[in-house]
């Protein structure tokens, strides 16, 4: 099976704007790569035909600024998977590492550390987006002595990276749900890659049905600000007394509105927020 790659250089100063645009467009055939050391970036698309590649580019290009010439080249499936390796490198927070699965035999993991193996070919992504990092940092910061007795729920789990990370950090009870059955299937496959299929429960559900019969001591929801606000009562109600609710997927410009909504939904909770680039999170500690 042949595929076609279309690639164009992007000004480093425009990376955040292009990233936001791709999220808004929602076409998963497009990706954004950045070499922060060389200060270079590219927008890359993979399509089933050259015609489809050029047609998609012609629709996208008018919304972009300062891009180089788009170059199309044939690409087989093996080359497509290999292309990720040029841009996808390991990263870590504290003692938890996120490493591409093709480095499984060679990566030197320090004693006592844990690793999440990532395979972009399995739609796992790199976990390196600001919204994911904000959530992971909250998980890492949680008291290690309490993890074995803490129930974690990842609401809107997508490919499962946060739930799997929680299992690797030693949270004994971890569940994740998504309203997309395909996302749940992929999350289960990713759990198997990471040798935690029996430690994370993934299932199909939404922000109402997903909490049926369940409460979390640590609930994380990396979704979109408008969805978080719409389901604020459901999210707050799914957290046990004394528990933690972490919200992400929030643009910094939306932070005040999200914080105000959840302050109303849980007036007695203590709230703190952080920003990373153009993104933010909100953490509530329940009384």
Protein backbone atom coordinates (compact mmCIF):
# COMPACT_ATOMS: atom_id res chain seq x y z
CA UNK A 1 0.00 0.00 0.00
CA UNK A 2 1.43 3.37 -1.05
CA UNK A 3 0.83 6.62 0.77
CA UNK A 4 1.82 10.19 -0.09
CA UNK A 5 3.49 12.65 2.26
CA UNK A 6 3.13 16.40 1.77
CA UNK A 7 5.49 18.60 3.77
CA UNK A 8 6.09 22.34 4.13
CA UNK A 9 8.36 24.35 6.38
CA UNK A 10 6.71 26.50 9.04
CA UNK A 11 8.20 29.56 10.74
CA UNK A 12 9.12 28.66 14.32
CA UNK A 13 7.34 31.78 15.52
CA UNK A 14 4.11 30.41 14.02
CA UNK A 15 4.24 26.94 15.60
CA UNK A 16 1.69 27.61 18.35
CA UNK A 17 -0.72 29.26 15.92
CA UNK A 18 -0.40 26.36 13.46
CA UNK A 19 -0.88 23.84 16.28
CA UNK A 20 -4.08 25.59 17.36
CA UNK A 21 -5.28 25.67 13.75
CA UNK A 22 -4.73 21.93 13.30
CA UNK A 23 -6.68 21.23 16.50
CA UNK A 24 -9.50 23.42 15.21
CA UNK A 25 -9.49 21.79 11.76
CA UNK A 26 -9.50 18.33 13.35
CA UNK A 27 -7.95 16.48 10.40
CA UNK A 28 -5.74 13.79 11.93
CA UNK A 29 -3.88 13.32 8.64
CA UNK A 30 -1.91 16.48 9.44
CA UNK A 31 0.87 16.70 12.03
CA UNK A 32 3.23 19.41 13.22
CA UNK A 33 6.90 18.71 13.93
CA UNK A 34 9.39 21.03 15.61
CA UNK A 35 13.14 20.74 16.16
CA UNK A 36 13.58 23.11 19.09
CA UNK A 37 17.38 22.85 18.94
CA UNK A 38 17.72 23.67 15.25
CA UNK A 39 14.73 26.07 15.49
CA UNK A 40 12.95 24.53 12.53
CA UNK A 41 9.39 23.26 12.11
CA UNK A 42 7.30 21.50 9.48
CA UNK A 43 3.67 20.74 8.80
CA UNK A 44 3.32 17.20 7.43
CA UNK A 45 0.34 15.36 6.00
CA UNK A 46 -0.03 11.71 5.00
CA UNK A 47 -2.68 10.81 2.40
CA UNK A 48 -3.79 7.88 0.25
CA UNK A 49 -3.17 9.72 -3.00
CA UNK A 50 -1.24 12.70 -4.34
CA UNK A 51 -4.51 14.26 -5.47
CA UNK A 52 -5.93 14.05 -1.94
CA UNK A 53 -2.71 15.47 -0.48
CA UNK A 54 -2.71 18.50 -2.77
CA UNK A 55 -6.45 19.09 -2.36
CA UNK A 56 -6.16 19.11 1.43
CA UNK A 57 -3.15 21.42 1.26
CA UNK A 58 -5.00 23.83 -1.03
CA UNK A 59 -7.75 24.06 1.59
CA UNK A 60 -5.35 24.45 4.51
CA UNK A 61 -2.70 26.72 3.01
CA UNK A 62 -4.80 29.93 2.90
CA UNK A 63 -5.19 29.71 6.68
CA UNK A 64 -1.42 29.49 7.22
CA UNK A 65 1.21 32.20 7.22
CA UNK A 66 4.90 32.02 6.37
CA UNK A 67 5.07 28.45 5.05
CA UNK A 68 7.57 27.14 2.55
CA UNK A 69 6.71 25.36 -0.66
CA UNK A 70 4.70 22.18 -0.16
CA UNK A 71 6.55 19.10 -1.42
CA UNK A 72 4.78 15.80 -2.13
CA UNK A 73 6.56 12.44 -2.21
CA UNK A 74 5.40 8.81 -2.36
CA UNK A 75 5.67 7.00 0.93
CA UNK A 76 5.02 3.39 1.82
CA UNK A 77 3.69 2.34 5.21
CA UNK A 78 7.13 1.44 6.53
CA UNK A 79 8.52 4.84 5.56
CA UNK A 80 5.53 6.54 7.20
CA UNK A 81 6.20 4.82 10.52
CA UNK A 82 9.92 5.52 10.21
CA UNK A 83 9.27 9.23 9.65
CA UNK A 84 7.96 9.55 13.22
CA UNK A 85 11.34 8.46 14.53
CA UNK A 86 12.98 11.58 13.16
CA UNK A 87 10.89 13.82 15.40
CA UNK A 88 9.74 11.72 18.36
CA UNK A 89 12.25 11.60 21.22
CA UNK A 90 11.95 10.36 24.84
CA UNK A 91 10.98 12.81 27.58
CA UNK A 92 10.46 12.53 31.34
CA UNK A 93 8.97 14.14 34.41
CA UNK A 94 10.61 13.16 37.67
CA UNK A 95 10.93 9.34 37.57
CA UNK A 96 8.36 8.67 34.85
CA UNK A 97 9.64 8.43 31.27
CA UNK A 98 7.73 8.48 27.97
CA UNK A 99 9.73 6.62 25.35
CA UNK A 100 9.00 5.50 21.76
CA UNK A 101 8.39 1.78 21.64
CA UNK A 102 11.13 1.24 19.03
CA UNK A 103 13.68 2.14 21.73
CA UNK A 104 12.42 -0.60 24.04
CA UNK A 105 15.54 -2.73 23.65
CA UNK A 106 18.05 0.11 23.90
CA UNK A 107 16.64 2.73 26.26
CA UNK A 108 18.58 2.93 29.54
CA UNK A 109 15.93 3.29 32.25
CA UNK A 110 17.44 4.39 35.59
CA UNK A 111 16.85 1.98 38.50
CA UNK A 112 13.56 2.68 40.26
CA UNK A 113 12.10 4.69 37.38
CA UNK A 114 9.02 3.75 35.34
CA UNK A 115 8.38 4.04 31.60
CA UNK A 116 5.36 4.46 29.34
CA UNK A 117 6.07 3.03 25.88
CA UNK A 118 4.50 5.14 23.15
CA UNK A 119 3.71 4.07 19.60
CA UNK A 120 2.44 6.86 17.31
CA UNK A 121 1.56 4.16 14.78
CA UNK A 122 -1.06 2.98 17.29
CA UNK A 123 -2.56 6.50 17.48
CA UNK A 124 -0.96 6.92 20.91
CA UNK A 125 0.70 10.22 20.12
CA UNK A 126 3.74 11.48 22.01
CA UNK A 127 2.05 12.77 25.15
CA UNK A 128 4.13 15.91 24.74
CA UNK A 129 1.29 18.36 24.18
CA UNK A 130 0.98 21.03 26.87
CA UNK A 131 -2.46 19.84 28.00
CA UNK A 132 -1.20 16.29 28.56
CA UNK A 133 1.94 17.48 30.34
CA UNK A 134 -0.11 19.60 32.73
CA UNK A 135 -2.17 16.55 33.72
CA UNK A 136 0.86 14.26 34.02
CA UNK A 137 2.62 16.76 36.26
CA UNK A 138 -0.40 16.73 38.60
CA UNK A 139 -0.30 12.92 38.73
CA UNK A 140 3.43 12.91 39.44
CA UNK A 141 3.02 15.52 42.20
CA UNK A 142 0.40 13.44 44.03
CA UNK A 143 1.67 11.97 47.32
CA UNK A 144 3.36 8.66 46.42
CA UNK A 145 2.44 7.21 49.81
CA UNK A 146 -1.27 7.55 49.02
CA UNK A 147 -1.28 6.25 45.44
CA UNK A 148 -1.94 2.60 46.29
CA UNK A 149 -5.24 3.56 47.95
CA UNK A 150 -6.29 6.24 45.44
CA UNK A 151 -8.93 5.61 42.78
CA UNK A 152 -8.14 7.35 39.47
CA UNK A 153 -10.60 8.00 36.65
CA UNK A 154 -9.50 9.44 33.29
CA UNK A 155 -12.64 11.01 31.79
CA UNK A 156 -12.39 11.25 28.01
CA UNK A 157 -9.33 9.00 28.01
CA UNK A 158 -8.60 9.08 24.27
CA UNK A 159 -5.70 6.73 23.58
CA UNK A 160 -5.18 6.11 27.29
CA UNK A 161 -1.90 7.90 27.99
CA UNK A 162 -3.00 9.48 31.29
CA UNK A 163 -4.62 6.35 32.69
CA UNK A 164 -1.62 4.22 31.72
CA UNK A 165 0.73 6.80 33.24
CA UNK A 166 -1.29 6.63 36.47
CA UNK A 167 -0.90 2.85 36.56
CA UNK A 168 2.85 3.16 36.02
CA UNK A 169 3.02 5.66 38.90
CA UNK A 170 1.53 3.09 41.26
CA UNK A 171 -2.10 4.14 41.49
CA UNK A 172 -3.74 0.82 42.26
CA UNK A 173 -7.24 1.50 40.90
CA UNK A 174 -7.32 3.15 37.47
CA UNK A 175 -10.19 3.45 34.99
CA UNK A 176 -10.65 5.43 31.81
CA UNK A 177 -13.62 5.99 29.52
CA UNK A 178 -14.35 7.66 26.22
CA UNK A 179 -17.48 8.09 24.14
CA UNK A 180 -15.59 6.83 21.07
CA UNK A 181 -15.42 2.99 20.97
CA UNK A 182 -12.40 3.15 18.64
CA UNK A 183 -10.50 5.26 21.19
CA UNK A 184 -11.29 2.70 23.87
CA UNK A 185 -10.07 -0.14 21.65
CA UNK A 186 -6.79 1.68 21.01
CA UNK A 187 -6.41 2.51 24.72
CA UNK A 188 -6.70 -1.19 25.56
CA UNK A 189 -4.06 -2.04 22.97
CA UNK A 190 -1.76 0.62 24.39
CA UNK A 191 -2.27 -0.81 27.88
CA UNK A 192 -1.16 -4.19 26.54
CA UNK A 193 1.96 -2.63 24.99
CA UNK A 194 2.77 -1.28 28.46
CA UNK A 195 2.08 -4.55 30.30
CA UNK A 196 -0.77 -3.06 32.34
CA UNK A 197 -3.91 -4.52 30.68
CA UNK A 198 -5.09 -5.90 34.02
CA UNK A 199 -4.34 -2.70 35.95
CA UNK A 200 -6.39 -0.25 33.88
CA UNK A 201 -10.08 -0.64 33.03
CA UNK A 202 -11.11 1.08 29.80
CA UNK A 203 -14.76 1.30 28.78
CA UNK A 204 -17.16 3.29 26.58
CA UNK A 205 -18.99 6.08 28.36
CA UNK A 206 -19.71 9.80 28.39
CA UNK A 207 -19.52 12.44 31.11
CA UNK A 208 -22.81 11.22 32.55
CA UNK A 209 -22.86 7.43 32.07
CA UNK A 210 -19.13 7.07 32.64
CA UNK A 211 -19.49 7.97 36.30
CA UNK A 212 -22.41 5.62 36.97
CA UNK A 213 -21.64 3.72 40.19
CA UNK A 214 -18.15 5.23 40.39
CA UNK A 215 -16.38 7.96 42.34
CA UNK A 216 -12.77 8.98 42.03
CA UNK A 217 -10.22 10.16 44.55
CA UNK A 218 -8.31 11.65 41.60
CA UNK A 219 -10.35 12.56 38.54
CA UNK A 220 -8.63 13.95 35.45
CA UNK A 221 -10.50 15.37 32.46
CA UNK A 222 -8.38 16.61 29.55
CA UNK A 223 -11.15 17.64 27.19
CA UNK A 224 -12.32 21.07 25.94
CA UNK A 225 -13.22 24.08 28.04
CA UNK A 226 -16.82 24.37 26.84
CA UNK A 227 -17.44 20.66 27.51
CA UNK A 228 -15.88 20.90 30.97
CA UNK A 229 -18.11 23.85 31.83
CA UNK A 230 -21.23 22.16 30.49
CA UNK A 231 -20.63 19.07 32.64
CA UNK A 232 -19.19 20.83 35.70
CA UNK A 233 -21.81 19.43 38.08
CA UNK A 234 -21.26 15.86 36.84
CA UNK A 235 -17.48 16.18 37.15
CA UNK A 236 -17.58 17.65 40.65
CA UNK A 237 -20.12 15.07 41.75
CA UNK A 238 -17.87 12.21 40.62
CA UNK A 239 -15.08 13.17 43.05
CA UNK A 240 -15.07 11.65 46.54
CA UNK A 241 -14.76 13.88 49.63
CA UNK A 242 -11.16 15.01 50.01
CA UNK A 243 -10.43 14.09 46.40
CA UNK A 244 -8.79 15.96 43.54
CA UNK A 245 -10.26 17.09 40.22
CA UNK A 246 -7.82 18.09 37.47
CA UNK A 247 -9.16 19.83 34.37
CA UNK A 248 -7.15 20.50 31.21
CA UNK A 249 -7.65 21.14 27.51
CA UNK A 250 -8.22 24.78 28.47
CA UNK A 251 -6.79 27.69 26.51
CA UNK A 252 -5.24 30.32 28.77
CA UNK A 253 -7.82 32.79 27.45
CA UNK A 254 -10.59 30.47 28.74
CA UNK A 255 -9.08 29.94 32.18
CA UNK A 256 -11.03 32.56 34.11
CA UNK A 257 -14.36 31.35 32.77
CA UNK A 258 -13.60 27.70 33.59
CA UNK A 259 -12.38 28.58 37.07
CA UNK A 260 -15.50 30.64 37.77
CA UNK A 261 -17.80 27.82 36.61
CA UNK A 262 -16.17 25.27 38.88
CA UNK A 263 -15.98 27.67 41.81
CA UNK A 264 -19.76 27.89 41.54
CA UNK A 265 -20.16 24.12 41.15
CA UNK A 266 -18.00 23.45 44.24
CA UNK A 267 -17.83 26.63 46.37
CA UNK A 268 -15.92 25.02 49.24
CA UNK A 269 -13.16 23.47 47.10
CA UNK A 270 -9.71 25.01 47.04
CA UNK A 271 -8.66 25.89 43.50
CA UNK A 272 -5.30 26.50 41.89
CA UNK A 273 -4.33 26.91 38.25
CA UNK A 274 -1.24 26.82 36.05
CA UNK A 275 -0.41 27.82 32.50
CA UNK A 276 1.98 26.24 30.02
CA UNK A 277 2.37 28.07 26.74
CA UNK A 278 -1.12 28.93 25.52
CA UNK A 279 -2.76 26.24 27.67
CA UNK A 280 -3.89 26.03 31.29
CA UNK A 281 -5.22 23.63 33.90
CA UNK A 282 -7.51 23.93 36.90
CA UNK A 283 -7.14 21.76 40.00
CA UNK A 284 -9.81 21.51 42.69
CA UNK A 285 -9.23 19.91 46.09
CA UNK A 286 -12.53 18.87 47.59
CA UNK A 287 -13.30 19.36 51.28
